[in-house]
Amino acid sequence: MISLLKDISIYTIGDILTKGIAFFGIIFYSHFITQHDMGIYGYILVVIGFINTFLMLGLDNAYARYFFEYKNARERSTLTTTIIFFLIFWSVFVVSISSFFVGDIVFVLLKTYEYNGVFLVAIAGIPLRIISSVLNQALRNQFKTQQFVIFNFFSTLLTIIFALILLFLKFGLISIFIALIASDIIVLPFKFFAIRNLLSFRINIGILRKLLSFGIPFLPSSIAYWIYSSSDRIMLERMSALEDLGVYTVAVSLSSVMAIVCNSIAQAWSPHAIQIYEEDQYAAKKFYVKFLNLLLFLFLFVMFFACIFGKDFIMIAFPYDYEKAFYPFLILMTSFGFQVTTQVTAIGISLSKKTMYFLYVSFFVAFVNVFLNFVLIPYYGVYGAAFATAISYLLLTLIYAMISQRLFFLNYDYGIILTFCILLLIVFCISFLSFLYKIVVFCFIVIMAYAKRERIIKVFKDEF
């Protein structure tokens, strides 16, 4: 547990720096581009996310799963090189073909040719993004957390700097996507150098077949995941105004506060979870339950601060038009909280290699999500979209837990889970108070926590 918490701490610090810069980047962008263009930006990100998901073919999951099954350096270097070379060829091939149809694609999506250049630049950066993702996984597999954090921090920093320069020079929305490509070109060589011990000139077709047979079943579930994590923005664009999508894009970006916690945990979790399972399955069961309790505490902690300070921060940092992003932001924060629990609730499915369950569950939840968006968006707009996403993630983690319990039983502490649900409801109610009352509640909680600090510390030491 200690080594995992150490890695999570490093990833969290890195994500705070990285997402913090990206967070302020969104604030700066909102002052340079219109709310309409912010909506277009969010829409293009969703489309690019789908293309990334498709082109990855689940090989990121396969790489994480098989890396620890190969015990010596030669096998691991062959595995890594095979994945990298295949993804370079595959992604460049598909993007090259797609570039000839950019105009048609943009017109189908946006009913205009105005953003052809923006979309072309956006898809041109996809191969770089995919290779960067694989190299990130290679760093995580070797527990090179500090290098991972440094590289991604500078990549984000360079992106924001380049984007702001181009926006200042009035290049418009395309500036952000040009900046993404430029930062990847600069940082990727350093990532390759950091994992040079995992690179070789050996490509093994047998390994590639094994990886694809494991990874491709993840593809439909990954697409389904894209649907229930992104269909809200697609349907907002179709059923509401692009200005609403712009507000929702800001709400999604603000909810990256919870994404910091989610990403840090996910990046550290997989290698440790698999390693401890391979070493001692009984110890792994106790470890997973304790870790879920920790996740619930972190979720509640972040939500508390968001409910106290979130609304006033939005009013200060963003133009007035974005004030109504606060409650969608809180609801989306809850979605991320439910999402992060799937790291534990789905562990039985992953360890038993019953990956088809991911497919069935993901498509069912995707169907529910689309249905909820269809019902809620016409009446509640951005609030309906946020609620549809939150309900979908809650349903996802509950179904994963039910299936995983049949495959790899965990003795969950349901008392802690019930307490968490009650406290989450109370914390959410705090967001409706005036700022003065929020400060009073905040001070009261801080004073009580300080008064009971010894007991709280003892509980954490005993539990974790």
Protein backbone atom coordinates (compact mmCIF):
# COMPACT_ATOMS: atom_id res chain seq x y z
CA MET A 1 0.00 0.00 0.00
CA ILE A 2 2.82 2.42 0.88
CA SER A 3 4.49 2.13 -2.54
CA LEU A 4 1.13 2.62 -4.25
CA LEU A 5 0.33 5.69 -2.13
CA LYS A 6 3.79 7.06 -2.89
CA ASP A 7 3.20 6.68 -6.63
CA ILE A 8 -0.29 8.18 -6.31
CA SER A 9 1.21 11.16 -4.46
CA ILE A 10 3.74 11.74 -7.22
CA TYR A 11 1.12 11.36 -9.95
CA THR A 12 -1.22 13.67 -8.02
CA ILE A 13 1.44 16.36 -7.70
CA GLY A 14 2.20 15.99 -11.39
CA ASP A 15 -1.47 16.12 -12.32
CA ILE A 16 -2.00 19.17 -10.13
CA LEU A 17 0.79 20.91 -12.01
CA THR A 18 -0.27 19.60 -15.43
CA LYS A 19 -4.03 19.91 -15.04
CA GLY A 20 -3.53 23.17 -13.16
CA ILE A 21 -1.80 24.68 -16.17
CA ALA A 22 -4.43 23.21 -18.50
CA PHE A 23 -7.11 24.53 -16.15
CA PHE A 24 -5.77 28.06 -16.38
CA GLY A 25 -5.32 27.52 -20.10
CA ILE A 26 -9.10 27.10 -20.45
CA ILE A 27 -9.57 30.32 -18.51
CA PHE A 28 -7.21 32.15 -20.88
CA TYR A 29 -8.83 30.57 -23.94
CA SER A 30 -12.27 31.76 -22.79
CA HIS A 31 -11.01 35.35 -23.03
CA PHE A 32 -9.55 34.89 -26.54
CA ILE A 33 -12.23 32.83 -28.30
CA THR A 34 -16.00 33.21 -28.35
CA GLN A 35 -18.39 30.96 -26.44
CA HIS A 36 -19.44 29.58 -29.85
CA ASP A 37 -15.84 28.65 -30.70
CA MET A 38 -15.42 27.17 -27.21
CA GLY A 39 -18.32 24.89 -28.10
CA ILE A 40 -16.62 23.95 -31.38
CA TYR A 41 -13.39 23.27 -29.46
CA GLY A 42 -15.19 20.93 -27.06
CA TYR A 43 -16.95 19.19 -29.95
CA ILE A 44 -13.72 18.58 -31.87
CA LEU A 45 -12.06 17.20 -28.73
CA VAL A 46 -14.90 14.69 -28.43
CA VAL A 47 -14.52 13.58 -32.06
CA ILE A 48 -10.73 13.30 -31.74
CA GLY A 49 -11.24 11.28 -28.57
CA PHE A 50 -13.34 8.79 -30.53
CA ILE A 51 -10.71 8.47 -33.27
CA ASN A 52 -7.99 7.96 -30.65
CA THR A 53 -10.05 5.25 -28.99
CA PHE A 54 -10.61 3.45 -32.27
CA LEU A 55 -6.99 3.62 -33.43
CA MET A 56 -5.61 2.40 -30.09
CA LEU A 57 -7.41 -0.96 -30.57
CA GLY A 58 -7.24 -1.66 -26.85
CA LEU A 59 -3.47 -2.13 -27.06
CA ASP A 60 -2.89 0.15 -24.08
CA ASN A 61 -4.85 -2.33 -21.94
CA ALA A 62 -3.02 -5.27 -23.50
CA TYR A 63 0.37 -3.69 -22.88
CA ALA A 64 -0.42 -3.00 -19.22
CA ARG A 65 -1.69 -6.57 -18.74
CA TYR A 66 1.13 -8.49 -20.48
CA PHE A 67 4.12 -6.39 -19.45
CA PHE A 68 4.46 -8.14 -16.09
CA GLU A 69 3.93 -11.59 -17.58
CA TYR A 70 7.15 -11.16 -19.55
CA LYS A 71 9.89 -11.49 -16.96
CA ASN A 72 13.13 -10.65 -18.79
CA ALA A 73 14.35 -7.50 -20.52
CA ARG A 74 14.50 -9.04 -24.01
CA GLU A 75 10.84 -10.10 -23.95
CA ARG A 76 9.71 -6.74 -22.61
CA SER A 77 11.67 -4.80 -25.22
CA THR A 78 10.20 -6.96 -27.99
CA LEU A 79 6.71 -6.39 -26.58
CA THR A 80 7.17 -2.61 -26.36
CA THR A 81 8.77 -2.22 -29.79
CA THR A 82 6.10 -4.35 -31.45
CA ILE A 83 3.30 -2.19 -30.05
CA ILE A 84 5.00 1.10 -30.95
CA PHE A 85 5.83 0.16 -34.54
CA PHE A 86 2.38 -1.25 -35.19
CA LEU A 87 0.59 1.81 -33.80
CA ILE A 88 2.79 4.21 -35.75
CA PHE A 89 2.02 2.43 -39.03
CA TRP A 90 -1.68 1.92 -38.25
CA SER A 91 -2.43 5.46 -37.03
CA VAL A 92 -0.50 7.24 -39.80
CA PHE A 93 -2.23 5.09 -42.43
CA VAL A 94 -5.76 5.79 -41.16
CA VAL A 95 -5.15 9.51 -40.57
CA SER A 96 -3.63 9.90 -44.05
CA ILE A 97 -6.69 8.34 -45.67
CA SER A 98 -9.05 10.40 -43.49
CA SER A 99 -7.36 13.68 -44.42
CA PHE A 100 -8.74 13.40 -47.96
CA PHE A 101 -12.30 13.49 -46.59
CA VAL A 102 -11.93 16.23 -43.98
CA GLY A 103 -14.33 18.60 -45.74
CA ASP A 104 -17.08 16.00 -45.93
CA ILE A 105 -16.55 14.94 -42.31
CA VAL A 106 -16.69 18.51 -41.01
CA PHE A 107 -19.81 19.30 -43.03
CA VAL A 108 -21.60 16.20 -41.71
CA LEU A 109 -20.65 17.09 -38.12
CA LEU A 110 -21.04 20.88 -38.13
CA LYS A 111 -23.04 21.68 -41.28
CA THR A 112 -20.31 24.11 -42.38
CA TYR A 113 -16.90 24.06 -44.06
CA GLU A 114 -15.61 26.90 -41.89
CA TYR A 115 -13.61 24.64 -39.58
CA ASN A 116 -11.95 22.37 -42.17
CA GLY A 117 -8.46 23.64 -41.35
CA VAL A 118 -8.98 23.30 -37.61
CA PHE A 119 -10.17 19.71 -37.94
CA LEU A 120 -7.35 18.79 -40.34
CA VAL A 121 -4.72 20.02 -37.88
CA ALA A 122 -6.52 18.25 -35.03
CA ILE A 123 -6.45 14.83 -36.73
CA ALA A 124 -2.86 15.36 -37.91
CA GLY A 125 -1.76 15.28 -34.28
CA ILE A 126 -3.48 11.96 -33.50
CA PRO A 127 -0.51 9.63 -34.25
CA LEU A 128 1.69 11.72 -31.96
CA ARG A 129 -0.93 11.51 -29.19
CA ILE A 130 -1.24 7.74 -29.55
CA ILE A 131 2.51 7.11 -29.40
CA SER A 132 2.76 9.48 -26.45
CA SER A 133 0.12 7.39 -24.64
CA VAL A 134 2.07 4.17 -25.20
CA LEU A 135 5.29 5.76 -23.98
CA ASN A 136 3.45 7.02 -20.91
CA GLN A 137 2.30 3.46 -20.18
CA ALA A 138 5.87 2.22 -20.60
CA LEU A 139 7.04 4.75 -18.01
CA ARG A 140 4.27 3.69 -15.62
CA ASN A 141 5.06 0.01 -16.09
CA GLN A 142 8.62 0.69 -14.97
CA PHE A 143 7.36 2.87 -12.09
CA LYS A 144 9.26 5.87 -13.49
CA THR A 145 6.73 8.19 -11.94
CA GLN A 146 8.95 11.26 -11.68
CA GLN A 147 9.94 11.19 -15.35
CA PHE A 148 6.31 10.60 -16.33
CA VAL A 149 5.23 13.66 -14.36
CA ILE A 150 8.02 15.90 -15.67
CA PHE A 151 7.45 15.04 -19.33
CA ASN A 152 3.69 15.54 -19.18
CA PHE A 153 4.03 18.76 -17.21
CA PHE A 154 6.33 20.30 -19.80
CA SER A 155 4.17 19.00 -22.64
CA THR A 156 1.13 20.79 -21.22
CA LEU A 157 3.13 23.92 -20.38
CA LEU A 158 4.49 24.16 -23.92
CA THR A 159 1.01 23.61 -25.35
CA ILE A 160 -0.43 26.50 -23.34
CA ILE A 161 2.49 28.81 -24.16
CA PHE A 162 2.35 28.10 -27.90
CA ALA A 163 -1.45 28.37 -27.95
CA LEU A 164 -1.50 31.72 -26.15
CA ILE A 165 1.15 33.14 -28.48
CA LEU A 166 -0.84 32.09 -31.54
CA LEU A 167 -4.13 33.27 -30.04
CA PHE A 168 -2.56 36.63 -29.26
CA LEU A 169 -1.47 36.80 -32.90
CA LYS A 170 -5.15 36.18 -33.80
CA PHE A 171 -4.75 32.75 -35.42
CA GLY A 172 -8.01 31.74 -33.76
CA LEU A 173 -9.19 28.31 -32.64
CA ILE A 174 -6.63 26.43 -34.77
CA SER A 175 -3.92 27.81 -32.44
CA ILE A 176 -4.73 25.25 -29.73
CA PHE A 177 -4.33 22.25 -32.03
CA ILE A 178 -1.13 23.57 -33.63
CA ALA A 179 0.24 24.00 -30.11
CA LEU A 180 -0.60 20.38 -29.23
CA ILE A 181 1.39 19.09 -32.21
CA ALA A 182 4.35 21.37 -31.48
CA SER A 183 4.58 20.28 -27.84
CA ASP A 184 4.42 16.57 -28.76
CA ILE A 185 7.19 16.97 -31.34
CA ILE A 186 9.43 18.55 -28.69
CA VAL A 187 8.68 16.15 -25.80
CA LEU A 188 8.42 12.76 -27.56
CA PRO A 189 12.20 12.34 -28.16
CA PHE A 190 12.79 12.71 -24.41
CA LYS A 191 10.18 10.04 -23.67
CA PHE A 192 11.80 7.65 -26.15
CA PHE A 193 15.16 8.25 -24.50
CA ALA A 194 13.68 7.54 -21.05
CA ILE A 195 12.43 4.09 -22.12
CA ARG A 196 15.39 3.24 -24.35
CA ASN A 197 15.94 0.03 -22.33
CA LEU A 198 12.55 -1.18 -23.64
CA LEU A 199 13.34 -0.50 -27.30
CA SER A 200 14.91 -2.84 -29.82
CA PHE A 201 14.73 -3.73 -33.50
CA ARG A 202 12.74 -6.90 -32.80
CA ILE A 203 9.10 -7.13 -33.88
CA ASN A 204 7.23 -10.32 -33.03
CA ILE A 205 4.08 -11.06 -35.04
CA GLY A 206 3.07 -13.76 -32.56
CA ILE A 207 3.15 -11.25 -29.71
CA LEU A 208 1.19 -8.76 -31.83
CA ARG A 209 -1.53 -11.37 -32.46
CA LYS A 210 -1.73 -12.08 -28.74
CA LEU A 211 -1.94 -8.38 -27.92
CA LEU A 212 -4.63 -7.75 -30.52
CA SER A 213 -6.67 -10.76 -29.38
CA PHE A 214 -6.60 -9.36 -25.85
CA GLY A 215 -6.97 -5.69 -26.77
CA ILE A 216 -9.57 -5.70 -29.56
CA PRO A 217 -12.37 -6.99 -27.27
CA PHE A 218 -11.73 -3.80 -25.30
CA LEU A 219 -12.40 -1.71 -28.43
CA PRO A 220 -16.20 -1.97 -28.45
CA SER A 221 -16.27 -1.33 -24.71
CA SER A 222 -13.90 1.62 -25.21
CA ILE A 223 -16.21 2.98 -27.89
CA ALA A 224 -19.14 2.46 -25.53
CA TYR A 225 -17.15 4.28 -22.85
CA TRP A 226 -16.64 7.13 -25.32
CA ILE A 227 -20.40 7.20 -25.92
CA TYR A 228 -21.38 7.57 -22.27
CA SER A 229 -18.54 9.97 -21.52
CA SER A 230 -18.97 12.11 -24.66
CA SER A 231 -22.48 11.68 -26.04
CA ASP A 232 -23.60 14.51 -23.76
CA ARG A 233 -21.58 16.98 -25.83
CA ILE A 234 -22.61 15.43 -29.14
CA MET A 235 -26.30 15.61 -28.20
CA LEU A 236 -25.95 19.11 -26.72
CA GLU A 237 -24.60 20.27 -30.09
CA ARG A 238 -27.56 18.63 -31.85
CA MET A 239 -30.32 19.52 -29.38
CA SER A 240 -29.14 22.86 -27.98
CA ALA A 241 -27.04 25.89 -28.92
CA LEU A 242 -23.27 25.81 -29.41
CA GLU A 243 -23.08 28.46 -26.69
CA ASP A 244 -24.52 25.89 -24.24
CA LEU A 245 -21.89 23.44 -25.43
CA GLY A 246 -19.29 26.11 -24.72
CA VAL A 247 -20.54 26.43 -21.13
CA TYR A 248 -20.58 22.64 -20.79
CA THR A 249 -17.04 22.40 -22.17
CA VAL A 250 -15.91 24.75 -19.40
CA ALA A 251 -17.79 22.65 -16.82
CA VAL A 252 -16.03 19.52 -18.10
CA SER A 253 -12.68 21.31 -17.95
CA LEU A 254 -13.36 22.53 -14.41
CA SER A 255 -14.23 19.01 -13.33
CA SER A 256 -10.62 18.12 -14.16
CA VAL A 257 -10.11 18.82 -10.45
CA MET A 258 -11.63 15.40 -9.81
CA ALA A 259 -9.95 14.07 -12.95
CA ILE A 260 -6.62 14.87 -11.27
CA VAL A 261 -7.49 12.37 -8.55
CA CYS A 262 -8.89 9.84 -11.06
CA ASN A 263 -5.91 9.98 -13.41
CA SER A 264 -3.34 9.84 -10.63
CA ILE A 265 -4.98 6.75 -9.18
CA ALA A 266 -5.46 5.05 -12.55
CA GLN A 267 -1.85 5.68 -13.56
CA ALA A 268 -0.49 4.21 -10.35
CA TRP A 269 -3.13 1.55 -9.76
CA SER A 270 -2.85 -0.90 -12.64
CA PRO A 271 0.81 -1.99 -12.25
CA HIS A 272 0.48 -2.31 -8.45
CA ALA A 273 -2.89 -4.09 -8.59
CA ILE A 274 -1.63 -6.72 -11.02
CA GLN A 275 1.71 -7.14 -9.27
CA ILE A 276 0.18 -7.81 -5.84
CA TYR A 277 -2.35 -10.22 -7.37
CA GLU A 278 0.45 -12.21 -9.01
CA GLU A 279 2.32 -12.38 -5.68
CA ASP A 280 -0.48 -13.08 -3.14
CA GLN A 281 -4.17 -13.28 -4.04
CA TYR A 282 -5.37 -13.27 -0.41
CA ALA A 283 -3.39 -10.13 0.39
CA ALA A 284 -4.66 -8.59 -2.85
CA LYS A 285 -8.29 -8.95 -1.73
CA LYS A 286 -7.66 -7.05 1.51
CA PHE A 287 -5.61 -4.48 -0.38
CA TYR A 288 -8.37 -3.79 -2.91
CA VAL A 289 -11.04 -3.24 -0.23
CA LYS A 290 -8.85 -0.83 1.74
CA PHE A 291 -8.04 1.01 -1.45
CA LEU A 292 -11.72 1.48 -2.29
CA ASN A 293 -12.29 3.03 1.14
CA LEU A 294 -9.42 5.42 0.44
CA LEU A 295 -10.95 6.33 -2.93
CA LEU A 296 -14.27 7.20 -1.31
CA PHE A 297 -12.54 9.46 1.21
CA LEU A 298 -10.59 11.29 -1.50
CA PHE A 299 -13.76 11.69 -3.56
CA LEU A 300 -15.60 13.26 -0.61
CA PHE A 301 -12.66 15.51 0.28
CA VAL A 302 -12.41 17.01 -3.22
CA MET A 303 -16.20 17.44 -3.50
CA PHE A 304 -16.27 19.35 -0.20
CA PHE A 305 -13.82 21.96 -1.45
CA ALA A 306 -15.58 22.20 -4.82
CA CYS A 307 -18.94 22.87 -3.16
CA ILE A 308 -17.46 25.56 -0.89
CA PHE A 309 -15.32 27.53 -3.33
CA GLY A 310 -16.29 26.44 -6.87
CA LYS A 311 -19.04 28.95 -7.67
CA ASP A 312 -17.10 32.01 -6.56
CA PHE A 313 -14.01 30.88 -8.44
CA ILE A 314 -16.00 30.60 -11.68
CA MET A 315 -17.48 34.07 -11.18
CA ILE A 316 -14.01 35.56 -10.66
CA ALA A 317 -12.02 33.67 -13.31
CA PHE A 318 -14.41 33.42 -16.27
CA PRO A 319 -16.50 35.88 -18.26
CA TYR A 320 -20.00 36.37 -16.81
CA ASP A 321 -21.62 34.10 -19.42
CA TYR A 322 -19.98 31.03 -17.84
CA GLU A 323 -21.54 31.44 -14.36
CA LYS A 324 -24.13 28.74 -15.01
CA ALA A 325 -21.34 26.16 -15.44
CA PHE A 326 -21.14 25.69 -11.63
CA TYR A 327 -23.80 23.03 -11.03
CA PRO A 328 -22.99 21.02 -14.17
CA PHE A 329 -19.40 21.16 -12.92
CA LEU A 330 -20.40 19.70 -9.52
CA ILE A 331 -22.50 16.96 -11.10
CA LEU A 332 -19.65 16.05 -13.46
CA MET A 333 -17.29 15.97 -10.47
CA THR A 334 -19.58 13.32 -9.02
CA SER A 335 -19.34 11.41 -12.31
CA PHE A 336 -15.55 11.32 -12.05
CA GLY A 337 -15.87 10.10 -8.47
CA PHE A 338 -18.03 7.18 -9.54
CA GLN A 339 -15.66 6.52 -12.42
CA VAL A 340 -12.59 6.21 -10.21
CA THR A 341 -14.25 3.51 -8.10
CA THR A 342 -14.33 1.26 -11.18
CA GLN A 343 -10.59 0.78 -10.65
CA VAL A 344 -11.61 -1.55 -7.82
CA THR A 345 -15.15 -2.61 -8.72
CA ALA A 346 -14.01 -3.94 -12.12
CA ILE A 347 -10.83 -5.60 -10.87
CA GLY A 348 -12.33 -9.10 -10.85
CA ILE A 349 -13.22 -8.85 -14.53
CA SER A 350 -9.70 -7.73 -15.48
CA LEU A 351 -7.87 -10.32 -13.38
CA SER A 352 -10.02 -13.20 -14.63
CA LYS A 353 -9.51 -11.96 -18.21
CA LYS A 354 -13.28 -12.07 -18.83
CA THR A 355 -13.01 -8.93 -20.93
CA MET A 356 -16.26 -9.58 -22.81
CA TYR A 357 -18.09 -8.38 -19.71
CA PHE A 358 -16.61 -4.94 -20.34
CA LEU A 359 -18.22 -5.02 -23.77
CA TYR A 360 -21.68 -6.03 -22.56
CA VAL A 361 -21.77 -3.66 -19.60
CA SER A 362 -20.31 -0.71 -21.49
CA PHE A 363 -22.82 -0.93 -24.32
CA PHE A 364 -25.71 -1.29 -21.90
CA VAL A 365 -24.58 1.80 -19.97
CA ALA A 366 -23.95 3.65 -23.25
CA PHE A 367 -27.53 2.90 -24.31
CA VAL A 368 -28.83 4.16 -20.95
CA ASN A 369 -26.68 7.29 -21.26
CA VAL A 370 -27.94 8.16 -24.75
CA PHE A 371 -31.53 7.57 -23.61
CA LEU A 372 -31.07 9.81 -20.56
CA ASN A 373 -29.46 12.55 -22.66
CA PHE A 374 -32.32 12.32 -25.15
CA VAL A 375 -34.89 12.68 -22.37
CA LEU A 376 -33.15 15.25 -20.14
CA ILE A 377 -31.34 17.67 -22.50
CA PRO A 378 -34.47 19.14 -24.17
CA TYR A 379 -35.86 20.08 -20.74
CA TYR A 380 -32.78 20.76 -18.61
CA GLY A 381 -30.01 21.55 -21.11
CA VAL A 382 -26.50 21.38 -19.65
CA TYR A 383 -27.88 20.21 -16.27
CA GLY A 384 -29.65 17.28 -17.90
CA ALA A 385 -26.48 16.30 -19.78
CA ALA A 386 -24.48 16.35 -16.55
CA PHE A 387 -27.06 14.26 -14.66
CA ALA A 388 -27.16 11.71 -17.50
CA THR A 389 -23.38 11.31 -17.25
CA ALA A 390 -23.41 10.96 -13.44
CA ILE A 391 -26.19 8.36 -13.45
CA SER A 392 -24.38 6.40 -16.16
CA TYR A 393 -21.12 6.21 -14.21
CA LEU A 394 -22.96 5.19 -11.03
CA LEU A 395 -24.72 2.43 -12.94
CA LEU A 396 -21.42 1.37 -14.49
CA THR A 397 -19.57 0.90 -11.20
CA LEU A 398 -22.53 -0.91 -9.60
CA ILE A 399 -22.79 -3.43 -12.45
CA TYR A 400 -19.02 -3.95 -12.52
CA ALA A 401 -19.10 -4.65 -8.78
CA MET A 402 -21.89 -7.21 -9.12
CA ILE A 403 -20.07 -9.12 -11.86
CA SER A 404 -16.63 -8.88 -10.24
CA GLN A 405 -17.98 -10.29 -6.99
CA ARG A 406 -18.87 -13.50 -8.82
CA LEU A 407 -15.40 -13.75 -10.35
CA PHE A 408 -13.18 -12.49 -7.52
CA PHE A 409 -15.09 -11.93 -4.27
CA LEU A 410 -14.15 -8.92 -2.14
CA ASN A 411 -15.46 -8.35 1.39
CA TYR A 412 -16.52 -4.71 1.03
CA ASP A 413 -17.21 -2.58 4.11
CA TYR A 414 -20.81 -1.58 3.35
CA GLY A 415 -21.00 0.57 6.49
CA ILE A 416 -18.30 2.85 5.09
CA ILE A 417 -20.02 2.92 1.69
CA LEU A 418 -23.36 3.94 3.26
CA THR A 419 -21.67 6.62 5.38
CA PHE A 420 -20.00 7.95 2.24
CA CYS A 421 -23.34 8.24 0.41
CA ILE A 422 -24.93 10.19 3.28
CA LEU A 423 -21.95 12.54 3.60
CA LEU A 424 -21.86 13.12 -0.17
CA LEU A 425 -25.51 14.21 -0.10
CA ILE A 426 -24.79 16.59 2.80
CA VAL A 427 -21.75 18.05 1.02
CA PHE A 428 -23.77 18.63 -2.15
CA CYS A 429 -26.45 20.48 -0.14
CA ILE A 430 -23.75 22.85 1.15
CA SER A 431 -23.32 24.20 -2.40
CA PHE A 432 -26.76 25.87 -2.18
CA LEU A 433 -25.74 28.03 0.80
CA SER A 434 -24.59 31.63 0.48
CA PHE A 435 -20.85 32.24 0.51
CA LEU A 436 -20.93 33.48 4.13
CA TYR A 437 -22.64 30.32 5.38
CA LYS A 438 -20.26 28.20 3.32
CA ILE A 439 -17.30 29.83 5.07
CA VAL A 440 -18.93 29.19 8.47
CA VAL A 441 -19.40 25.51 7.60
CA PHE A 442 -15.85 25.27 6.28
CA CYS A 443 -14.38 26.78 9.47
CA PHE A 444 -16.52 24.49 11.64
CA ILE A 445 -15.34 21.38 9.76
CA VAL A 446 -11.69 22.48 9.96
CA ILE A 447 -11.96 23.16 13.71
CA MET A 448 -13.65 19.80 14.35
CA ALA A 449 -11.05 17.98 12.26
CA TYR A 450 -8.25 19.68 14.17
CA ALA A 451 -9.84 18.84 17.53
CA LYS A 452 -10.20 15.17 16.54
CA ARG A 453 -6.91 15.01 14.63
CA GLU A 454 -5.34 12.28 16.79
CA ARG A 455 -8.34 10.00 16.38
CA ILE A 456 -8.49 10.68 12.63
CA ILE A 457 -4.77 9.92 12.23
CA LYS A 458 -5.17 6.70 14.23
CA VAL A 459 -8.06 5.55 12.04
CA PHE A 460 -6.02 6.19 8.90
CA LYS A 461 -2.99 4.38 10.26
CA ASP A 462 -5.10 1.38 11.27
CA GLU A 463 -6.98 1.29 7.99
CA PHE A 464 -4.22 2.03 5.49
